[in-house]
Amino acid sequence: MDAQLYTPSTSVPAATPTDLPAKEVPPTPALRETVYAQLRAAVLDGGFGARERLAEVRLAARFGVSRTPVREALARLASDGLIERGDGGFFVTIPNLTRLKDFYELRVTLELRGVARAIEDPSIKHDPAVIAAELDRWYAMRESPPVPDPRFVVQDERFHAELSRASGNPALTDALVAVSERIRQVRMYDFLTRDRVETTIAEHIEIMELVRDGRLDEGYRALHAHVGDSMAVVLDRARRAMSQMALHADRL
């Protein structure tokens, strides 16, 4: 008897195509990028508590996708340094004070450089259209201040990015945006009171008006005071923000 045709009577019948487990369709590049972008935005915007585990199954259900693009997005975010592996899964990365000091120092350097380069080289002019548009936004906020909210930090970041962009060095702006995102999780808890929000609005307007009017030396000093005159001030603010973050971690 031909061995190739022989099937023992006790063997399990060969599976038909409908019996086989469905293979997961590999995510398209567009889907990968969409899930990554959505998850990254949620991480940066405080969408997860400091102690909340980023579970693949729950995230897949949240975004309406399979676990594969979620798993890939988590790996990318870990590589970006925005999340880290902890006990039982991934968690949002919260920089320690030493790391925060490094990030803040870099942020101050990048912030001031945008104005300093225009002071050093008179041929460099801040883009008046960018300055005017951003001033209009903050004038409107001065007239009708937003309620205190940790997510006000996004408006704050936009101000600093636009001020930098107006100075004409895109690489400088990209670097500033990147470092601002890394400290957003802590900085967002610096905007929990009305006076803090209103003070920020007033200082932004003052800085922009000085730059608009070509009073760059004064603008530089005002910006320096705004982002922190000394590292001691910065670290004290960071400590207070981290304490607030611990208190409010489960409220976002």
Protein backbone atom coordinates (compact mmCIF):
# COMPACT_ATOMS: atom_id res chain seq x y z
CA MET A 1 0.00 0.00 0.00
CA ASP A 2 1.26 3.42 -0.84
CA ALA A 3 2.44 4.95 2.43
CA GLN A 4 1.71 8.43 1.18
CA LEU A 5 -2.01 7.64 0.89
CA TYR A 6 -2.31 5.71 4.14
CA THR A 7 -4.01 7.42 7.08
CA PRO A 8 -4.32 5.50 10.37
CA SER A 9 -7.92 5.26 11.48
CA THR A 10 -7.07 6.81 14.86
CA SER A 11 -5.50 9.95 13.44
CA VAL A 12 -7.19 13.34 13.57
CA PRO A 13 -8.58 14.37 10.16
CA ALA A 14 -6.64 17.07 8.43
CA ALA A 15 -7.94 20.52 9.15
CA THR A 16 -9.92 22.26 6.50
CA PRO A 17 -9.23 25.94 5.73
CA THR A 18 -12.20 26.98 7.88
CA ASP A 19 -10.80 25.03 10.87
CA LEU A 20 -7.48 26.89 10.85
CA PRO A 21 -7.04 29.85 13.18
CA ALA A 22 -7.35 33.12 11.32
CA LYS A 23 -4.00 34.77 10.76
CA GLU A 24 -3.77 38.39 11.77
CA VAL A 25 -3.40 40.62 8.76
CA PRO A 26 -0.18 42.62 9.10
CA PRO A 27 -0.94 46.29 9.73
CA THR A 28 -0.32 48.66 6.86
CA PRO A 29 2.33 51.38 7.23
CA ALA A 30 -0.44 53.98 7.40
CA LEU A 31 -2.17 52.13 10.24
CA ARG A 32 1.11 51.72 12.12
CA GLU A 33 1.76 55.45 11.91
CA THR A 34 -1.80 56.33 12.91
CA VAL A 35 -1.76 54.13 16.01
CA TYR A 36 1.71 55.36 16.95
CA ALA A 37 0.69 59.00 16.54
CA GLN A 38 -2.52 58.56 18.55
CA LEU A 39 -0.83 56.67 21.36
CA ARG A 40 2.07 59.12 21.45
CA ALA A 41 -0.33 62.05 21.70
CA ALA A 42 -2.20 60.34 24.54
CA VAL A 43 1.05 59.74 26.42
CA LEU A 44 2.27 63.32 25.97
CA ASP A 45 -1.09 64.89 26.79
CA GLY A 46 -1.43 63.13 30.14
CA GLY A 47 -3.97 60.61 28.92
CA PHE A 48 -2.52 57.98 31.24
CA GLY A 49 -1.85 58.13 34.96
CA ALA A 50 1.67 57.86 36.30
CA ARG A 51 0.93 54.37 37.62
CA GLU A 52 -1.35 53.18 34.81
CA ARG A 53 -0.15 50.12 32.89
CA LEU A 54 -0.37 50.47 29.11
CA ALA A 55 -2.05 47.15 28.37
CA GLU A 56 -2.04 45.99 24.75
CA VAL A 57 -5.54 44.50 24.84
CA ARG A 58 -7.13 47.61 26.32
CA LEU A 59 -5.27 49.92 23.95
CA ALA A 60 -6.21 47.81 20.95
CA ALA A 61 -9.87 48.09 21.92
CA ARG A 62 -9.49 51.83 22.50
CA PHE A 63 -8.08 52.43 19.02
CA GLY A 64 -10.19 49.77 17.29
CA VAL A 65 -7.21 47.81 15.98
CA SER A 66 -5.45 44.52 16.57
CA ARG A 67 -2.69 44.15 19.15
CA THR A 68 0.10 44.13 16.55
CA PRO A 69 0.17 47.87 15.70
CA VAL A 70 -0.27 48.64 19.40
CA ARG A 71 2.68 46.42 20.28
CA GLU A 72 4.79 48.11 17.61
CA ALA A 73 3.75 51.57 18.82
CA LEU A 74 4.68 50.70 22.40
CA ALA A 75 8.10 49.53 21.25
CA ARG A 76 8.65 52.79 19.37
CA LEU A 77 7.53 54.90 22.33
CA ALA A 78 9.92 52.98 24.57
CA SER A 79 12.70 53.69 22.07
CA ASP A 80 11.68 57.37 22.14
CA GLY A 81 12.07 57.33 25.92
CA LEU A 82 8.43 58.34 26.48
CA ILE A 83 7.45 55.06 28.13
CA GLU A 84 9.43 52.42 29.97
CA ARG A 85 9.01 48.79 30.90
CA GLY A 86 8.12 48.24 34.52
CA ASP A 87 6.51 45.57 36.66
CA GLY A 88 4.03 43.80 34.40
CA GLY A 89 4.19 46.05 31.35
CA PHE A 90 4.83 49.54 30.04
CA PHE A 91 4.27 52.78 31.96
CA VAL A 92 4.68 56.45 31.09
CA THR A 93 8.22 57.64 31.78
CA ILE A 94 8.41 60.23 34.53
CA PRO A 95 11.86 61.88 34.53
CA ASN A 96 13.63 62.06 37.87
CA LEU A 97 14.86 65.40 39.14
CA THR A 98 18.38 64.92 37.78
CA ARG A 99 17.04 64.20 34.30
CA LEU A 100 14.57 67.06 34.58
CA LYS A 101 17.40 69.43 35.40
CA ASP A 102 19.18 68.37 32.22
CA PHE A 103 16.04 68.82 30.11
CA TYR A 104 15.21 72.20 31.65
CA GLU A 105 18.75 73.44 31.11
CA LEU A 106 18.54 72.40 27.47
CA ARG A 107 15.13 74.02 27.10
CA VAL A 108 16.37 77.36 28.49
CA THR A 109 19.36 77.28 26.16
CA LEU A 110 17.20 76.60 23.11
CA GLU A 111 14.60 79.21 24.12
CA LEU A 112 17.11 81.99 24.53
CA ARG A 113 19.11 81.11 21.44
CA GLY A 114 16.25 82.08 19.15
CA VAL A 115 16.39 85.67 20.38
CA ALA A 116 20.16 85.75 20.91
CA ARG A 117 20.91 84.92 17.28
CA ALA A 118 18.89 87.96 16.18
CA ILE A 119 20.76 90.15 18.68
CA GLU A 120 24.12 88.90 17.40
CA ASP A 121 23.23 89.25 13.73
CA PRO A 122 21.15 92.34 12.82
CA SER A 123 20.33 90.78 9.43
CA ILE A 124 18.19 88.17 11.21
CA LYS A 125 14.65 89.43 11.68
CA HIS A 126 11.79 87.70 13.44
CA ASP A 127 8.93 86.92 11.05
CA PRO A 128 6.33 89.65 11.73
CA ALA A 129 3.44 87.49 10.46
CA VAL A 130 4.24 84.70 12.92
CA ILE A 131 4.63 87.19 15.78
CA ALA A 132 1.36 88.98 14.93
CA ALA A 133 -0.65 85.76 14.66
CA GLU A 134 0.62 84.46 17.99
CA LEU A 135 0.02 87.79 19.69
CA ASP A 136 -3.59 87.76 18.47
CA ARG A 137 -4.08 84.35 20.09
CA TRP A 138 -2.77 85.56 23.42
CA TYR A 139 -4.66 88.85 23.29
CA ALA A 140 -7.84 86.77 22.93
CA MET A 141 -6.83 84.64 25.92
CA ARG A 142 -6.16 87.76 27.96
CA GLU A 143 -9.69 88.95 27.24
CA SER A 144 -11.18 85.57 28.12
CA PRO A 145 -8.68 83.53 30.17
CA PRO A 146 -9.12 79.76 29.95
CA VAL A 147 -9.93 77.85 33.10
CA PRO A 148 -6.92 76.34 34.87
CA ASP A 149 -6.17 72.98 33.31
CA PRO A 150 -3.00 70.87 33.03
CA ARG A 151 -3.48 70.73 29.27
CA PHE A 152 -2.90 74.48 29.08
CA VAL A 153 0.72 73.41 28.77
CA VAL A 154 0.05 72.67 25.09
CA GLN A 155 -0.84 76.34 24.52
CA ASP A 156 2.29 77.34 26.41
CA GLU A 157 4.45 75.05 24.27
CA ARG A 158 2.93 76.49 21.11
CA PHE A 159 3.88 80.02 22.18
CA HIS A 160 7.51 79.07 22.69
CA ALA A 161 7.64 77.05 19.47
CA GLU A 162 6.18 79.94 17.46
CA LEU A 163 8.57 82.45 19.02
CA SER A 164 11.43 80.17 18.05
CA ARG A 165 10.01 79.57 14.56
CA ALA A 166 9.78 83.30 13.98
CA SER A 167 13.54 83.55 14.47
CA GLY A 168 14.08 81.54 11.30
CA ASN A 169 16.02 78.43 12.38
CA PRO A 170 13.79 75.34 11.91
CA ALA A 171 16.36 72.98 13.45
CA LEU A 172 16.38 75.07 16.62
CA THR A 173 12.59 74.96 16.77
CA ASP A 174 12.46 71.20 16.20
CA ALA A 175 14.90 70.64 19.05
CA LEU A 176 12.88 72.91 21.35
CA VAL A 177 9.63 71.09 20.53
CA ALA A 178 11.28 67.74 21.21
CA VAL A 179 12.65 68.70 24.63
CA SER A 180 9.38 70.41 25.58
CA GLU A 181 7.52 67.19 24.91
CA ARG A 182 9.89 65.27 27.16
CA ILE A 183 9.08 67.47 30.16
CA ARG A 184 5.39 68.01 29.40
CA GLN A 185 4.28 65.33 31.86
CA VAL A 186 5.73 67.41 34.68
CA ARG A 187 5.19 70.94 33.35
CA MET A 188 1.47 70.43 32.75
CA TYR A 189 0.88 70.50 36.50
CA ASP A 190 2.27 74.01 36.67
CA PHE A 191 -1.05 75.38 35.37
CA LEU A 192 -3.55 74.40 38.04
CA THR A 193 -4.36 77.89 39.35
CA ARG A 194 -5.97 80.90 37.69
CA ASP A 195 -3.19 83.27 38.71
CA ARG A 196 -0.57 81.00 37.14
CA VAL A 197 -2.48 80.88 33.85
CA GLU A 198 -3.09 84.64 33.80
CA THR A 199 0.54 85.40 34.69
CA THR A 200 1.71 83.16 31.86
CA ILE A 201 -0.58 84.96 29.40
CA ALA A 202 0.68 88.37 30.49
CA GLU A 203 4.33 87.34 30.27
CA HIS A 204 3.86 85.81 26.82
CA ILE A 205 2.33 89.01 25.52
CA GLU A 206 5.12 91.13 27.02
CA ILE A 207 7.82 88.96 25.43
CA MET A 208 6.18 88.91 22.02
CA GLU A 209 5.58 92.67 22.02
CA LEU A 210 9.21 93.36 22.89
CA VAL A 211 10.42 91.11 20.08
CA ARG A 212 7.88 92.61 17.67
CA ASP A 213 9.09 96.11 18.50
CA GLY A 214 12.74 95.15 18.00
CA ARG A 215 13.61 95.57 21.67
CA LEU A 216 15.50 92.31 21.61
CA ASP A 217 17.73 92.86 24.63
CA GLU A 218 14.66 93.49 26.79
CA GLY A 219 12.86 90.59 25.14
CA TYR A 220 15.80 88.31 25.91
CA ARG A 221 15.78 89.31 29.58
CA ALA A 222 12.00 88.91 29.83
CA LEU A 223 12.18 85.47 28.22
CA HIS A 224 15.01 84.46 30.54
CA ALA A 225 12.96 85.48 33.56
CA HIS A 226 9.92 83.69 32.16
CA VAL A 227 11.58 80.31 31.64
CA GLY A 228 13.54 80.49 34.88
CA ASP A 229 16.28 82.82 36.07
CA SER A 230 18.13 80.10 37.94
CA MET A 231 18.27 76.34 38.07
CA ALA A 232 17.21 76.50 41.73
CA VAL A 233 13.93 78.12 40.66
CA VAL A 234 13.48 75.55 37.93
CA LEU A 235 14.07 72.60 40.23
CA ASP A 236 11.74 74.00 42.87
CA ARG A 237 9.05 74.39 40.23
CA ALA A 238 9.71 70.85 39.01
CA ARG A 239 9.44 69.43 42.53
CA ARG A 240 6.12 71.20 43.07
CA ALA A 241 4.86 70.06 39.67
CA MET A 242 5.82 66.45 40.39
CA SER A 243 4.00 66.61 43.72
CA GLN A 244 0.91 67.92 41.95
CA MET A 245 1.26 65.19 39.33
CA ALA A 246 1.24 62.53 42.04
CA LEU A 247 -1.88 64.07 43.60
CA HIS A 248 -3.74 64.36 40.29
CA ALA A 249 -2.43 61.27 38.50
CA ASP A 250 -5.80 59.50 38.57
CA ARG A 251 -7.91 62.52 37.57
CA LEU A 252 -6.99 62.86 33.91
